[in-house]
Amino acid sequence: MQWMYWTPATTLFFVVLALVLCGMTLWELRSPSIARRGFLPLSTTRGDRLFLGLVAIAFTNLAWTGVTDASQWIGFGLSLALFVPLFRWG
């Protein structure tokens, strides 16, 4: 594993991402989702909203890193504030 510098934050990120994907898989097997319309202009399932939320988190953090030198934890908080309503009501 010499190709990547594994910091505790990097390791935590990939572990949490793997746990979220495993959890969503188990949730989908236990209770299949039904496509519904929320505030997004298309019908989405839980998996669709998770994917859109993860993409939104990625772009929010990239934009935060590119635009400001402020703490990355603020960008993380903003991206979570975007993810929660998108996943719940999107």
PDB file of N, CA and C in Angstrom:
ATOM      1  N   MET A   1       0.826  -1.201   0.000  1.00  0.00           N
ATOM      2  CA  MET A   1       0.000   0.000   0.000  1.00  0.00           C
ATOM      3  C   MET A   1       0.869   1.263   0.000  1.00  0.00           C
ATOM      4  N   GLN A   2       2.022   1.197  -0.641  1.00  0.00           N
ATOM      5  CA  GLN A   2       2.936   2.334  -0.678  1.00  0.00           C
ATOM      6  C   GLN A   2       2.515   3.408  -1.681  1.00  0.00           C
ATOM      7  N   TRP A   3       1.521   3.124  -2.513  1.00  0.00           N
ATOM      8  CA  TRP A   3       1.128   4.071  -3.550  1.00  0.00           C
ATOM      9  C   TRP A   3       0.327   5.245  -3.004  1.00  0.00           C
ATOM     10  N   MET A   4      -0.127   5.138  -1.751  1.00  0.00           N
ATOM     11  CA  MET A   4      -0.936   6.212  -1.176  1.00  0.00           C
ATOM     12  C   MET A   4      -0.473   6.504   0.236  1.00  0.00           C
ATOM     13  N   TYR A   5      -0.464   7.767   0.582  1.00  0.00           N
ATOM     14  CA  TYR A   5      -0.092   8.177   1.930  1.00  0.00           C
ATOM     15  C   TYR A   5      -1.325   8.078   2.822  1.00  0.00           C
ATOM     16  N   TRP A   6      -1.379   7.068   3.664  1.00  0.00           N
ATOM     17  CA  TRP A   6      -2.557   6.801   4.487  1.00  0.00           C
ATOM     18  C   TRP A   6      -2.481   7.544   5.811  1.00  0.00           C
ATOM     19  N   THR A   7      -3.123   8.703   5.863  1.00  0.00           N
ATOM     20  CA  THR A   7      -3.237   9.427   7.115  1.00  0.00           C
ATOM     21  C   THR A   7      -4.451   8.879   7.855  1.00  0.00           C
ATOM     22  N   PRO A   8      -4.591   9.162   9.141  1.00  0.00           N
ATOM     23  CA  PRO A   8      -5.793   8.726   9.846  1.00  0.00           C
ATOM     24  C   PRO A   8      -7.081   9.276   9.218  1.00  0.00           C
ATOM     25  N   ALA A   9      -7.042  10.517   8.733  1.00  0.00           N
ATOM     26  CA  ALA A   9      -8.237  11.099   8.106  1.00  0.00           C
ATOM     27  C   ALA A   9      -8.596  10.371   6.808  1.00  0.00           C
ATOM     28  N   THR A  10      -7.600  10.026   6.012  1.00  0.00           N
ATOM     29  CA  THR A  10      -7.840   9.301   4.770  1.00  0.00           C
ATOM     30  C   THR A  10      -8.416   7.924   5.052  1.00  0.00           C
ATOM     31  N   THR A  11      -7.833   7.251   6.024  1.00  0.00           N
ATOM     32  CA  THR A  11      -8.316   5.925   6.395  1.00  0.00           C
ATOM     33  C   THR A  11      -9.752   6.001   6.900  1.00  0.00           C
ATOM     34  N   LEU A  12     -10.030   6.965   7.756  1.00  0.00           N
ATOM     35  CA  LEU A  12     -11.383   7.137   8.293  1.00  0.00           C
ATOM     36  C   LEU A  12     -12.385   7.408   7.175  1.00  0.00           C
ATOM     37  N   PHE A  13     -12.001   8.234   6.212  1.00  0.00           N
ATOM     38  CA  PHE A  13     -12.882   8.549   5.092  1.00  0.00           C
ATOM     39  C   PHE A  13     -13.287   7.283   4.340  1.00  0.00           C
ATOM     40  N   PHE A  14     -12.309   6.459   3.983  1.00  0.00           N
ATOM     41  CA  PHE A  14     -12.618   5.265   3.203  1.00  0.00           C
ATOM     42  C   PHE A  14     -13.351   4.209   4.020  1.00  0.00           C
ATOM     43  N   VAL A  15     -13.054   4.117   5.307  1.00  0.00           N
ATOM     44  CA  VAL A  15     -13.781   3.179   6.170  1.00  0.00           C
ATOM     45  C   VAL A  15     -15.240   3.610   6.292  1.00  0.00           C
ATOM     46  N   VAL A  16     -15.486   4.896   6.531  1.00  0.00           N
ATOM     47  CA  VAL A  16     -16.866   5.391   6.653  1.00  0.00           C
ATOM     48  C   VAL A  16     -17.609   5.218   5.333  1.00  0.00           C
ATOM     49  N   LEU A  17     -16.963   5.507   4.221  1.00  0.00           N
ATOM     50  CA  LEU A  17     -17.603   5.333   2.919  1.00  0.00           C
ATOM     51  C   LEU A  17     -17.982   3.873   2.684  1.00  0.00           C
ATOM     52  N   ALA A  18     -17.095   2.953   3.019  1.00  0.00           N
ATOM     53  CA  ALA A  18     -17.397   1.526   2.864  1.00  0.00           C
ATOM     54  C   ALA A  18     -18.546   1.111   3.778  1.00  0.00           C
ATOM     55  N   LEU A  19     -18.559   1.606   5.007  1.00  0.00           N
ATOM     56  CA  LEU A  19     -19.652   1.274   5.933  1.00  0.00           C
ATOM     57  C   LEU A  19     -20.988   1.838   5.450  1.00  0.00           C
ATOM     58  N   VAL A  20     -20.979   3.046   4.909  1.00  0.00           N
ATOM     59  CA  VAL A  20     -22.211   3.637   4.374  1.00  0.00           C
ATOM     60  C   VAL A  20     -22.735   2.796   3.211  1.00  0.00           C
ATOM     61  N   LEU A  21     -21.856   2.396   2.309  1.00  0.00           N
ATOM     62  CA  LEU A  21     -22.286   1.580   1.167  1.00  0.00           C
ATOM     63  C   LEU A  21     -22.797   0.210   1.609  1.00  0.00           C
ATOM     64  N   CYS A  22     -22.124  -0.405   2.575  1.00  0.00           N
ATOM     65  CA  CYS A  22     -22.601  -1.694   3.102  1.00  0.00           C
ATOM     66  C   CYS A  22     -23.941  -1.524   3.809  1.00  0.00           C
ATOM     67  N   GLY A  23     -24.060  -0.468   4.591  1.00  0.00           N
ATOM     68  CA  GLY A  23     -25.321  -0.202   5.286  1.00  0.00           C
ATOM     69  C   GLY A  23     -26.472   0.046   4.330  1.00  0.00           C
ATOM     70  N   MET A  24     -26.214   0.812   3.273  1.00  0.00           N
ATOM     71  CA  MET A  24     -27.257   1.069   2.283  1.00  0.00           C
ATOM     72  C   MET A  24     -27.641  -0.211   1.543  1.00  0.00           C
ATOM     73  N   THR A  25     -26.677  -1.070   1.285  1.00  0.00           N
ATOM     74  CA  THR A  25     -26.974  -2.347   0.629  1.00  0.00           C
ATOM     75  C   THR A  25     -27.874  -3.203   1.506  1.00  0.00           C
ATOM     76  N   LEU A  26     -27.530  -3.306   2.783  1.00  0.00           N
ATOM     77  CA  LEU A  26     -28.356  -4.085   3.714  1.00  0.00           C
ATOM     78  C   LEU A  26     -29.749  -3.486   3.863  1.00  0.00           C
ATOM     79  N   TRP A  27     -29.836  -2.157   3.932  1.00  0.00           N
ATOM     80  CA  TRP A  27     -31.123  -1.480   4.044  1.00  0.00           C
ATOM     81  C   TRP A  27     -31.974  -1.753   2.809  1.00  0.00           C
ATOM     82  N   GLU A  28     -31.339  -1.727   1.635  1.00  0.00           N
ATOM     83  CA  GLU A  28     -32.069  -1.981   0.381  1.00  0.00           C
ATOM     84  C   GLU A  28     -32.550  -3.429   0.309  1.00  0.00           C
ATOM     85  N   LEU A  29     -31.739  -4.361   0.788  1.00  0.00           N
ATOM     86  CA  LEU A  29     -32.156  -5.763   0.794  1.00  0.00           C
ATOM     87  C   LEU A  29     -33.288  -5.993   1.787  1.00  0.00           C
ATOM     88  N   ARG A  30     -33.230  -5.333   2.909  1.00  0.00           N
ATOM     89  CA  ARG A  30     -34.243  -5.491   3.960  1.00  0.00           C
ATOM     90  C   ARG A  30     -35.555  -4.793   3.596  1.00  0.00           C
ATOM     91  N   SER A  31     -35.435  -3.606   3.020  1.00  0.00           N
ATOM     92  CA  SER A  31     -36.612  -2.808   2.689  1.00  0.00           C
ATOM     93  C   SER A  31     -36.362  -2.083   1.361  1.00  0.00           C
ATOM     94  N   PRO A  32     -36.743  -2.702   0.243  1.00  0.00           N
ATOM     95  CA  PRO A  32     -36.494  -2.064  -1.059  1.00  0.00           C
ATOM     96  C   PRO A  32     -37.139  -0.683  -1.146  1.00  0.00           C
ATOM     97  N   SER A  33     -36.393   0.253  -1.700  1.00  0.00           N
ATOM     98  CA  SER A  33     -36.903   1.622  -1.787  1.00  0.00           C
ATOM     99  C   SER A  33     -37.837   1.776  -2.982  1.00  0.00           C
ATOM    100  N   ILE A  34     -38.676   2.763  -2.881  1.00  0.00           N
ATOM    101  CA  ILE A  34     -39.639   3.097  -3.926  1.00  0.00           C
ATOM    102  C   ILE A  34     -39.273   4.475  -4.452  1.00  0.00           C
ATOM    103  N   ALA A  35     -39.230   4.630  -5.759  1.00  0.00           N
ATOM    104  CA  ALA A  35     -38.928   5.935  -6.347  1.00  0.00           C
ATOM    105  C   ALA A  35     -40.010   6.928  -5.950  1.00  0.00           C
ATOM    106  N   ARG A  36     -39.589   8.107  -5.545  1.00  0.00           N
ATOM    107  CA  ARG A  36     -40.531   9.153  -5.154  1.00  0.00           C
ATOM    108  C   ARG A  36     -39.982  10.501  -5.576  1.00  0.00           C
ATOM    109  N   ARG A  37     -40.856  11.465  -5.600  1.00  0.00           N
ATOM    110  CA  ARG A  37     -40.455  12.828  -5.935  1.00  0.00           C
ATOM    111  C   ARG A  37     -40.375  13.644  -4.664  1.00  0.00           C
ATOM    112  N   GLY A  38     -39.250  14.310  -4.507  1.00  0.00           N
ATOM    113  CA  GLY A  38     -39.067  15.241  -3.413  1.00  0.00           C
ATOM    114  C   GLY A  38     -38.930  16.630  -4.003  1.00  0.00           C
ATOM    115  N   PHE A  39     -37.999  17.413  -3.471  1.00  0.00           N
ATOM    116  CA  PHE A  39     -37.794  18.751  -4.018  1.00  0.00           C
ATOM    117  C   PHE A  39     -36.923  18.729  -5.275  1.00  0.00           C
ATOM    118  N   LEU A  40     -36.268  17.591  -5.553  1.00  0.00           N
ATOM    119  CA  LEU A  40     -35.511  17.477  -6.800  1.00  0.00           C
ATOM    120  C   LEU A  40     -36.473  17.275  -7.970  1.00  0.00           C
ATOM    121  N   PRO A  41     -36.128  17.760  -9.158  1.00  0.00           N
ATOM    122  CA  PRO A  41     -37.057  17.670 -10.283  1.00  0.00           C
ATOM    123  C   PRO A  41     -37.072  16.303 -10.978  1.00  0.00           C
ATOM    124  N   LEU A  42     -36.849  15.219 -10.221  1.00  0.00           N
ATOM    125  CA  LEU A  42     -36.889  13.882 -10.782  1.00  0.00           C
ATOM    126  C   LEU A  42     -37.226  12.891  -9.678  1.00  0.00           C
ATOM    127  N   SER A  43     -37.710  11.732 -10.078  1.00  0.00           N
ATOM    128  CA  SER A  43     -38.007  10.684  -9.108  1.00  0.00           C
ATOM    129  C   SER A  43     -36.711   9.994  -8.717  1.00  0.00           C
ATOM    130  N   THR A  44     -36.517   9.807  -7.418  1.00  0.00           N
ATOM    131  CA  THR A  44     -35.279   9.212  -6.937  1.00  0.00           C
ATOM    132  C   THR A  44     -35.557   8.132  -5.899  1.00  0.00           C
ATOM    133  N   THR A  45     -34.628   7.191  -5.793  1.00  0.00           N
ATOM    134  CA  THR A  45     -34.650   6.191  -4.735  1.00  0.00           C
ATOM    135  C   THR A  45     -33.612   6.598  -3.688  1.00  0.00           C
ATOM    136  N   ARG A  46     -33.544   5.833  -2.599  1.00  0.00           N
ATOM    137  CA  ARG A  46     -32.542   6.130  -1.570  1.00  0.00           C
ATOM    138  C   ARG A  46     -31.134   6.109  -2.152  1.00  0.00           C
ATOM    139  N   GLY A  47     -30.846   5.119  -2.976  1.00  0.00           N
ATOM    140  CA  GLY A  47     -29.514   5.013  -3.579  1.00  0.00           C
ATOM    141  C   GLY A  47     -29.188   6.195  -4.473  1.00  0.00           C
ATOM    142  N   ASP A  48     -30.168   6.660  -5.227  1.00  0.00           N
ATOM    143  CA  ASP A  48     -29.967   7.843  -6.074  1.00  0.00           C
ATOM    144  C   ASP A  48     -29.637   9.057  -5.221  1.00  0.00           C
ATOM    145  N   ARG A  49     -30.397   9.239  -4.144  1.00  0.00           N
ATOM    146  CA  ARG A  49     -30.171  10.392  -3.266  1.00  0.00           C
ATOM    147  C   ARG A  49     -28.830  10.287  -2.543  1.00  0.00           C
ATOM    148  N   LEU A  50     -28.412   9.071  -2.185  1.00  0.00           N
ATOM    149  CA  LEU A  50     -27.097   8.890  -1.578  1.00  0.00           C
ATOM    150  C   LEU A  50     -26.009   9.287  -2.564  1.00  0.00           C
ATOM    151  N   PHE A  51     -26.115   8.815  -3.788  1.00  0.00           N
ATOM    152  CA  PHE A  51     -25.121   9.151  -4.808  1.00  0.00           C
ATOM    153  C   PHE A  51     -25.073  10.657  -5.039  1.00  0.00           C
ATOM    154  N   LEU A  52     -26.223  11.287  -5.224  1.00  0.00           N
ATOM    155  CA  LEU A  52     -26.256  12.734  -5.438  1.00  0.00           C
ATOM    156  C   LEU A  52     -25.694  13.479  -4.234  1.00  0.00           C
ATOM    157  N   GLY A  53     -25.988  12.992  -3.030  1.00  0.00           N
ATOM    158  CA  GLY A  53     -25.464  13.619  -1.821  1.00  0.00           C
ATOM    159  C   GLY A  53     -23.954  13.497  -1.720  1.00  0.00           C
ATOM    160  N   LEU A  54     -23.410  12.326  -2.065  1.00  0.00           N
ATOM    161  CA  LEU A  54     -21.955  12.156  -2.028  1.00  0.00           C
ATOM    162  C   LEU A  54     -21.260  13.029  -3.067  1.00  0.00           C
ATOM    163  N   VAL A  55     -21.869  13.165  -4.231  1.00  0.00           N
ATOM    164  CA  VAL A  55     -21.306  14.054  -5.253  1.00  0.00           C
ATOM    165  C   VAL A  55     -21.356  15.500  -4.766  1.00  0.00           C
ATOM    166  N   ALA A  56     -22.473  15.887  -4.129  1.00  0.00           N
ATOM    167  CA  ALA A  56     -22.596  17.243  -3.595  1.00  0.00           C
ATOM    168  C   ALA A  56     -21.548  17.502  -2.510  1.00  0.00           C
ATOM    169  N   ILE A  57     -21.308  16.518  -1.647  1.00  0.00           N
ATOM    170  CA  ILE A  57     -20.274  16.650  -0.616  1.00  0.00           C
ATOM    171  C   ILE A  57     -18.907  16.845  -1.266  1.00  0.00           C
ATOM    172  N   ALA A  58     -18.607  16.039  -2.274  1.00  0.00           N
ATOM    173  CA  ALA A  58     -17.304  16.135  -2.937  1.00  0.00           C
ATOM    174  C   ALA A  58     -17.103  17.516  -3.561  1.00  0.00           C
ATOM    175  N   PHE A  59     -18.094  17.999  -4.305  1.00  0.00           N
ATOM    176  CA  PHE A  59     -17.938  19.291  -4.962  1.00  0.00           C
ATOM    177  C   PHE A  59     -17.939  20.444  -3.971  1.00  0.00           C
ATOM    178  N   THR A  60     -18.707  20.339  -2.898  1.00  0.00           N
ATOM    179  CA  THR A  60     -18.699  21.380  -1.878  1.00  0.00           C
ATOM    180  C   THR A  60     -17.324  21.472  -1.225  1.00  0.00           C
ATOM    181  N   ASN A  61     -16.743  20.328  -0.881  1.00  0.00           N
ATOM    182  CA  ASN A  61     -15.412  20.342  -0.267  1.00  0.00           C
ATOM    183  C   ASN A  61     -14.336  20.817  -1.234  1.00  0.00           C
ATOM    184  N   LEU A  62     -14.426  20.421  -2.495  1.00  0.00           N
ATOM    185  CA  LEU A  62     -13.464  20.910  -3.487  1.00  0.00           C
ATOM    186  C   LEU A  62     -13.585  22.415  -3.674  1.00  0.00           C
ATOM    187  N   ALA A  63     -14.801  22.924  -3.756  1.00  0.00           N
ATOM    188  CA  ALA A  63     -15.010  24.363  -3.899  1.00  0.00           C
ATOM    189  C   ALA A  63     -14.493  25.107  -2.667  1.00  0.00           C
ATOM    190  N   TRP A  64     -14.772  24.561  -1.487  1.00  0.00           N
ATOM    191  CA  TRP A  64     -14.307  25.196  -0.253  1.00  0.00           C
ATOM    192  C   TRP A  64     -12.780  25.261  -0.233  1.00  0.00           C
ATOM    193  N   THR A  65     -12.140  24.182  -0.616  1.00  0.00           N
ATOM    194  CA  THR A  65     -10.678  24.137  -0.626  1.00  0.00           C
ATOM    195  C   THR A  65     -10.106  25.114  -1.646  1.00  0.00           C
ATOM    196  N   GLY A  66     -10.769  25.241  -2.797  1.00  0.00           N
ATOM    197  CA  GLY A  66     -10.269  26.113  -3.848  1.00  0.00           C
ATOM    198  C   GLY A  66     -10.532  27.582  -3.619  1.00  0.00           C
ATOM    199  N   VAL A  67     -11.579  27.916  -2.884  1.00  0.00           N
ATOM    200  CA  VAL A  67     -11.990  29.309  -2.740  1.00  0.00           C
ATOM    201  C   VAL A  67     -11.424  29.964  -1.485  1.00  0.00           C
ATOM    202  N   THR A  68     -11.235  29.210  -0.422  1.00  0.00           N
ATOM    203  CA  THR A  68     -10.852  29.810   0.844  1.00  0.00           C
ATOM    204  C   THR A  68      -9.725  29.038   1.518  1.00  0.00           C
ATOM    205  N   ASP A  69      -9.045  29.710   2.405  1.00  0.00           N
ATOM    206  CA  ASP A  69      -8.010  29.070   3.213  1.00  0.00           C
ATOM    207  C   ASP A  69      -8.517  28.765   4.618  1.00  0.00           C
ATOM    208  N   ALA A  70      -9.795  28.968   4.847  1.00  0.00           N
ATOM    209  CA  ALA A  70     -10.380  28.707   6.169  1.00  0.00           C
ATOM    210  C   ALA A  70     -10.354  27.208   6.460  1.00  0.00           C
ATOM    211  N   SER A  71     -10.647  26.867   7.682  1.00  0.00           N
ATOM    212  CA  SER A  71     -10.588  25.473   8.129  1.00  0.00           C
ATOM    213  C   SER A  71     -11.465  24.566   7.273  1.00  0.00           C
ATOM    214  N   GLN A  72     -10.922  23.412   6.964  1.00  0.00           N
ATOM    215  CA  GLN A  72     -11.675  22.436   6.163  1.00  0.00           C
ATOM    216  C   GLN A  72     -12.876  21.902   6.926  1.00  0.00           C
ATOM    217  N   TRP A  73     -12.845  21.992   8.252  1.00  0.00           N
ATOM    218  CA  TRP A  73     -13.980  21.533   9.056  1.00  0.00           C
ATOM    219  C   TRP A  73     -15.222  22.369   8.778  1.00  0.00           C
ATOM    220  N   ILE A  74     -15.049  23.635   8.438  1.00  0.00           N
ATOM    221  CA  ILE A  74     -16.201  24.470   8.073  1.00  0.00           C
ATOM    222  C   ILE A  74     -16.801  23.969   6.762  1.00  0.00           C
ATOM    223  N   GLY A  75     -15.957  23.664   5.795  1.00  0.00           N
ATOM    224  CA  GLY A  75     -16.436  23.096   4.530  1.00  0.00           C
ATOM    225  C   GLY A  75     -17.125  21.766   4.739  1.00  0.00           C
ATOM    226  N   PHE A  76     -16.580  20.954   5.649  1.00  0.00           N
ATOM    227  CA  PHE A  76     -17.205  19.676   5.984  1.00  0.00           C
ATOM    228  C   PHE A  76     -18.594  19.892   6.580  1.00  0.00           C
ATOM    229  N   GLY A  77     -18.708  20.863   7.479  1.00  0.00           N
ATOM    230  CA  GLY A  77     -20.013  21.177   8.075  1.00  0.00           C
ATOM    231  C   GLY A  77     -21.012  21.657   7.031  1.00  0.00           C
ATOM    232  N   LEU A  78     -20.557  22.498   6.119  1.00  0.00           N
ATOM    233  CA  LEU A  78     -21.442  22.972   5.043  1.00  0.00           C
ATOM    234  C   LEU A  78     -21.889  21.822   4.143  1.00  0.00           C
ATOM    235  N   SER A  79     -20.970  20.925   3.842  1.00  0.00           N
ATOM    236  CA  SER A  79     -21.338  19.813   2.971  1.00  0.00           C
ATOM    237  C   SER A  79     -22.314  18.865   3.669  1.00  0.00           C
ATOM    238  N   LEU A  80     -22.154  18.666   4.978  1.00  0.00           N
ATOM    239  CA  LEU A  80     -23.135  17.848   5.712  1.00  0.00           C
ATOM    240  C   LEU A  80     -24.491  18.540   5.772  1.00  0.00           C
ATOM    241  N   ALA A  81     -24.469  19.864   5.932  1.00  0.00           N
ATOM    242  CA  ALA A  81     -25.719  20.622   5.944  1.00  0.00           C
ATOM    243  C   ALA A  81     -26.430  20.534   4.593  1.00  0.00           C
ATOM    244  N   LEU A  82     -25.696  20.336   3.529  1.00  0.00           N
ATOM    245  CA  LEU A  82     -26.283  20.134   2.200  1.00  0.00           C
ATOM    246  C   LEU A  82     -26.736  18.690   2.015  1.00  0.00           C
ATOM    247  N   PHE A  83     -25.964  17.743   2.540  1.00  0.00           N
ATOM    248  CA  PHE A  83     -26.250  16.316   2.345  1.00  0.00           C
ATOM    249  C   PHE A  83     -27.530  15.866   3.044  1.00  0.00           C
ATOM    250  N   VAL A  84     -27.723  16.275   4.284  1.00  0.00           N
ATOM    251  CA  VAL A  84     -28.850  15.766   5.077  1.00  0.00           C
ATOM    252  C   VAL A  84     -30.193  16.063   4.422  1.00  0.00           C
ATOM    253  N   PRO A  85     -30.515  17.316   4.070  1.00  0.00           N
ATOM    254  CA  PRO A  85     -31.819  17.532   3.408  1.00  0.00           C
ATOM    255  C   PRO A  85     -31.904  16.890   2.022  1.00  0.00           C
ATOM    256  N   LEU A  86     -30.766  16.848   1.316  1.00  0.00           N
ATOM    257  CA  LEU A  86     -30.778  16.221  -0.005  1.00  0.00           C
ATOM    258  C   LEU A  86     -31.105  14.739   0.102  1.00  0.00           C
ATOM    259  N   PHE A  87     -30.515  14.057   1.079  1.00  0.00           N
ATOM    260  CA  PHE A  87     -30.781  12.628   1.236  1.00  0.00           C
ATOM    261  C   PHE A  87     -32.175  12.383   1.811  1.00  0.00           C
ATOM    262  N   ARG A  88     -32.598  13.207   2.732  1.00  0.00           N
ATOM    263  CA  ARG A  88     -33.877  12.966   3.410  1.00  0.00           C
ATOM    264  C   ARG A  88     -35.084  13.381   2.556  1.00  0.00           C
ATOM    265  N   TRP A  89     -35.027  14.575   1.981  1.00  0.00           N
ATOM    266  CA  TRP A  89     -36.207  15.108   1.287  1.00  0.00           C
ATOM    267  C   TRP A  89     -36.012  15.294  -0.212  1.00  0.00           C
ATOM    268  N   GLY A  90     -34.833  14.960  -0.730  1.00  0.00           N
ATOM    269  CA  GLY A  90     -34.537  15.147  -2.159  1.00  0.00           C
ATOM    270  C   GLY A  90     -35.345  14.253  -2.991  1.00  0.00           C
TER     271      GLY A  90
END
